Amino acid sequence: MMRILVTDDSAFQRNIIISILKDYGYEYIEAANGVEAIEAALNHRPNLILLDIYMPDSGGFDFLEEAGRLELGIPVVILTSDIQDTTREKCLELGASGFLNKPVVKDDLLEKISDLVHVG
């Protein structure tokens, strides 16, 4: 079963994504910031991480830097409502695998999961 870590400081945004994941049979784990996401990634070894870049306290950049140091090797998709080229480039340099715009559209989410994670 594919397991996806959903990281966003907004419970509302997490619930939208989780609703889609549940409808399509994916397991999910939730985190509200970068610190929780690192702990969840280490403890649950998800197949994919969906990561809000702008969160209070420990945000997406902090997570990407720590994930790189720990060599997690898990694809990370950045979730954001407004991303500039410089921010996008920084995310890619830190190891992000792709981007999804907020609000997340079901078909875009499912396509990104399919593109990045090979089941079997």
C-alpha atoms as a PDB file:
ATOM      1  CA  MET A   1       0.000   0.000   0.000  1.00  0.00           C
ATOM      2  CA  MET A   2       1.374   3.394  -0.951  1.00  0.00           C
ATOM      3  CA  ARG A   3       1.883   5.753   1.997  1.00  0.00           C
ATOM      4  CA  ILE A   4       1.936   9.530   1.522  1.00  0.00           C
ATOM      5  CA  LEU A   5       3.026  12.117   4.090  1.00  0.00           C
ATOM      6  CA  VAL A   6       0.890  15.276   3.915  1.00  0.00           C
ATOM      7  CA  THR A   7       2.649  18.270   5.497  1.00  0.00           C
ATOM      8  CA  ASP A   8       0.838  21.597   5.827  1.00  0.00           C
ATOM      9  CA  ASP A   9       0.258  23.930   8.767  1.00  0.00           C
ATOM     10  CA  SER A  10      -3.359  24.324   7.632  1.00  0.00           C
ATOM     11  CA  ALA A  11      -5.563  21.468   8.855  1.00  0.00           C
ATOM     12  CA  PHE A  12      -8.091  22.553   6.217  1.00  0.00           C
ATOM     13  CA  GLN A  13      -5.559  22.060   3.394  1.00  0.00           C
ATOM     14  CA  ARG A  14      -4.406  18.727   4.835  1.00  0.00           C
ATOM     15  CA  ASN A  15      -8.000  17.514   5.023  1.00  0.00           C
ATOM     16  CA  ILE A  16      -8.685  18.395   1.373  1.00  0.00           C
ATOM     17  CA  ILE A  17      -5.675  16.354   0.251  1.00  0.00           C
ATOM     18  CA  ILE A  18      -6.353  13.501   2.674  1.00  0.00           C
ATOM     19  CA  SER A  19      -9.927  13.241   1.409  1.00  0.00           C
ATOM     20  CA  ILE A  20      -8.613  12.696  -2.128  1.00  0.00           C
ATOM     21  CA  LEU A  21      -5.989  10.200  -0.959  1.00  0.00           C
ATOM     22  CA  LYS A  22      -8.563   8.184   1.011  1.00  0.00           C
ATOM     23  CA  ASP A  23     -10.949   8.102  -1.963  1.00  0.00           C
ATOM     24  CA  TYR A  24      -8.192   6.508  -4.060  1.00  0.00           C
ATOM     25  CA  GLY A  25      -6.994   4.009  -1.465  1.00  0.00           C
ATOM     26  CA  TYR A  26      -3.751   5.659  -0.381  1.00  0.00           C
ATOM     27  CA  GLU A  27      -2.489   5.470   3.181  1.00  0.00           C
ATOM     28  CA  TYR A  28      -1.571   8.840   4.627  1.00  0.00           C
ATOM     29  CA  ILE A  29       0.332  10.395   7.489  1.00  0.00           C
ATOM     30  CA  GLU A  30      -0.136  13.996   8.631  1.00  0.00           C
ATOM     31  CA  ALA A  31       2.367  16.596   9.796  1.00  0.00           C
ATOM     32  CA  ALA A  32       1.796  20.275  10.616  1.00  0.00           C
ATOM     33  CA  ASN A  33       5.391  21.504  10.199  1.00  0.00           C
ATOM     34  CA  GLY A  34       8.856  20.492   9.075  1.00  0.00           C
ATOM     35  CA  VAL A  35       9.902  18.978  12.405  1.00  0.00           C
ATOM     36  CA  GLU A  36       6.832  16.730  12.541  1.00  0.00           C
ATOM     37  CA  ALA A  37       7.427  15.819   8.895  1.00  0.00           C
ATOM     38  CA  ILE A  38      11.017  14.689   9.528  1.00  0.00           C
ATOM     39  CA  GLU A  39       9.857  12.551  12.468  1.00  0.00           C
ATOM     40  CA  ALA A  40       7.019  11.059  10.404  1.00  0.00           C
ATOM     41  CA  ALA A  41       9.319  10.379   7.451  1.00  0.00           C
ATOM     42  CA  LEU A  42      11.831   8.579   9.656  1.00  0.00           C
ATOM     43  CA  ASN A  43       9.190   6.594  11.555  1.00  0.00           C
ATOM     44  CA  HIS A  44       6.816   5.696   8.708  1.00  0.00           C
ATOM     45  CA  ARG A  45       9.020   5.758   5.553  1.00  0.00           C
ATOM     46  CA  PRO A  46       6.375   7.138   3.168  1.00  0.00           C
ATOM     47  CA  ASN A  47       6.620   6.612  -0.592  1.00  0.00           C
ATOM     48  CA  LEU A  48       5.984  10.318  -1.233  1.00  0.00           C
ATOM     49  CA  ILE A  49       5.943  13.568   0.745  1.00  0.00           C
ATOM     50  CA  LEU A  50       3.600  16.470  -0.023  1.00  0.00           C
ATOM     51  CA  LEU A  51       5.111  19.575   1.577  1.00  0.00           C
ATOM     52  CA  ASP A  52       3.821  23.103   2.092  1.00  0.00           C
ATOM     53  CA  ILE A  53       6.810  25.402   1.667  1.00  0.00           C
ATOM     54  CA  TYR A  54       5.633  28.260   3.894  1.00  0.00           C
ATOM     55  CA  MET A  55       4.832  27.151   7.441  1.00  0.00           C
ATOM     56  CA  PRO A  56       5.521  28.855  10.777  1.00  0.00           C
ATOM     57  CA  ASP A  57       8.386  27.570  12.920  1.00  0.00           C
ATOM     58  CA  SER A  58       9.940  24.823  10.786  1.00  0.00           C
ATOM     59  CA  GLY A  59       8.877  25.240   7.171  1.00  0.00           C
ATOM     60  CA  GLY A  60       9.461  23.478   3.907  1.00  0.00           C
ATOM     61  CA  PHE A  61      12.971  24.809   3.316  1.00  0.00           C
ATOM     62  CA  ASP A  62      14.044  23.566   6.755  1.00  0.00           C
ATOM     63  CA  PHE A  63      12.525  20.176   5.982  1.00  0.00           C
ATOM     64  CA  LEU A  64      14.279  19.925   2.601  1.00  0.00           C
ATOM     65  CA  GLU A  65      17.646  20.819   4.144  1.00  0.00           C
ATOM     66  CA  GLU A  66      17.257  18.239   6.918  1.00  0.00           C
ATOM     67  CA  ALA A  67      15.932  15.585   4.526  1.00  0.00           C
ATOM     68  CA  GLY A  68      19.029  16.130   2.394  1.00  0.00           C
ATOM     69  CA  ARG A  69      21.336  15.757   5.387  1.00  0.00           C
ATOM     70  CA  LEU A  70      19.553  12.564   6.418  1.00  0.00           C
ATOM     71  CA  GLU A  71      19.541  11.262   2.825  1.00  0.00           C
ATOM     72  CA  LEU A  72      15.889  10.224   3.105  1.00  0.00           C
ATOM     73  CA  GLY A  73      15.620   9.462  -0.608  1.00  0.00           C
ATOM     74  CA  ILE A  74      11.852  10.078  -0.655  1.00  0.00           C
ATOM     75  CA  PRO A  75      10.331  12.193  -3.460  1.00  0.00           C
ATOM     76  CA  VAL A  76       9.031  15.551  -2.188  1.00  0.00           C
ATOM     77  CA  VAL A  77       6.330  17.571  -3.948  1.00  0.00           C
ATOM     78  CA  ILE A  78       6.081  21.216  -2.914  1.00  0.00           C
ATOM     79  CA  LEU A  79       2.571  22.585  -2.278  1.00  0.00           C
ATOM     80  CA  THR A  80       2.183  26.337  -2.670  1.00  0.00           C
ATOM     81  CA  SER A  81      -0.236  29.023  -3.756  1.00  0.00           C
ATOM     82  CA  ASP A  82       2.380  31.431  -5.063  1.00  0.00           C
ATOM     83  CA  ILE A  83       5.848  30.355  -6.068  1.00  0.00           C
ATOM     84  CA  GLN A  84       8.457  32.558  -7.711  1.00  0.00           C
ATOM     85  CA  ASP A  85      11.185  31.218  -9.980  1.00  0.00           C
ATOM     86  CA  THR A  86      13.840  31.865  -7.327  1.00  0.00           C
ATOM     87  CA  THR A  87      11.844  29.919  -4.741  1.00  0.00           C
ATOM     88  CA  ARG A  88      11.227  27.099  -7.206  1.00  0.00           C
ATOM     89  CA  GLU A  89      14.960  26.941  -8.022  1.00  0.00           C
ATOM     90  CA  LYS A  90      15.877  26.848  -4.322  1.00  0.00           C
ATOM     91  CA  CYS A  91      13.403  24.007  -3.737  1.00  0.00           C
ATOM     92  CA  LEU A  92      14.866  22.019  -6.632  1.00  0.00           C
ATOM     93  CA  GLU A  93      18.420  22.648  -5.408  1.00  0.00           C
ATOM     94  CA  LEU A  94      17.369  21.305  -1.994  1.00  0.00           C
ATOM     95  CA  GLY A  95      15.970  18.131  -3.537  1.00  0.00           C
ATOM     96  CA  ALA A  96      12.299  18.772  -4.336  1.00  0.00           C
ATOM     97  CA  SER A  97      10.907  16.490  -7.047  1.00  0.00           C
ATOM     98  CA  GLY A  98       8.019  18.643  -8.242  1.00  0.00           C
ATOM     99  CA  PHE A  99       5.369  21.235  -7.481  1.00  0.00           C
ATOM    100  CA  LEU A 100       1.588  21.419  -7.068  1.00  0.00           C
ATOM    101  CA  ASN A 101      -0.361  24.659  -6.881  1.00  0.00           C
ATOM    102  CA  LYS A 102      -2.800  25.348  -4.067  1.00  0.00           C
ATOM    103  CA  PRO A 103      -5.638  24.828  -3.913  1.00  0.00           C
ATOM    104  CA  VAL A 104      -4.753  21.285  -4.904  1.00  0.00           C
ATOM    105  CA  VAL A 105      -6.769  19.925  -7.830  1.00  0.00           C
ATOM    106  CA  LYS A 106      -7.608  16.215  -7.590  1.00  0.00           C
ATOM    107  CA  ASP A 107      -6.487  15.310 -11.122  1.00  0.00           C
ATOM    108  CA  ASP A 108      -3.192  17.198 -10.747  1.00  0.00           C
ATOM    109  CA  LEU A 109      -2.493  15.477  -7.435  1.00  0.00           C
ATOM    110  CA  LEU A 110      -3.229  12.006  -8.784  1.00  0.00           C
ATOM    111  CA  GLU A 111      -1.116  12.641 -11.889  1.00  0.00           C
ATOM    112  CA  LYS A 112       1.831  13.853  -9.789  1.00  0.00           C
ATOM    113  CA  ILE A 113       1.600  10.777  -7.542  1.00  0.00           C
ATOM    114  CA  SER A 114       1.534   8.530 -10.598  1.00  0.00           C
ATOM    115  CA  ASP A 115       4.501  10.339 -12.172  1.00  0.00           C
ATOM    116  CA  LEU A 116       6.714  10.150  -9.089  1.00  0.00           C
ATOM    117  CA  VAL A 117       5.889   6.847  -7.436  1.00  0.00           C
ATOM    118  CA  HIS A 118       6.017   3.484  -9.149  1.00  0.00           C
ATOM    119  CA  VAL A 119       3.963   0.842  -7.383  1.00  0.00           C
ATOM    120  CA  GLY A 120       5.060  -2.755  -7.477  1.00  0.00           C
END
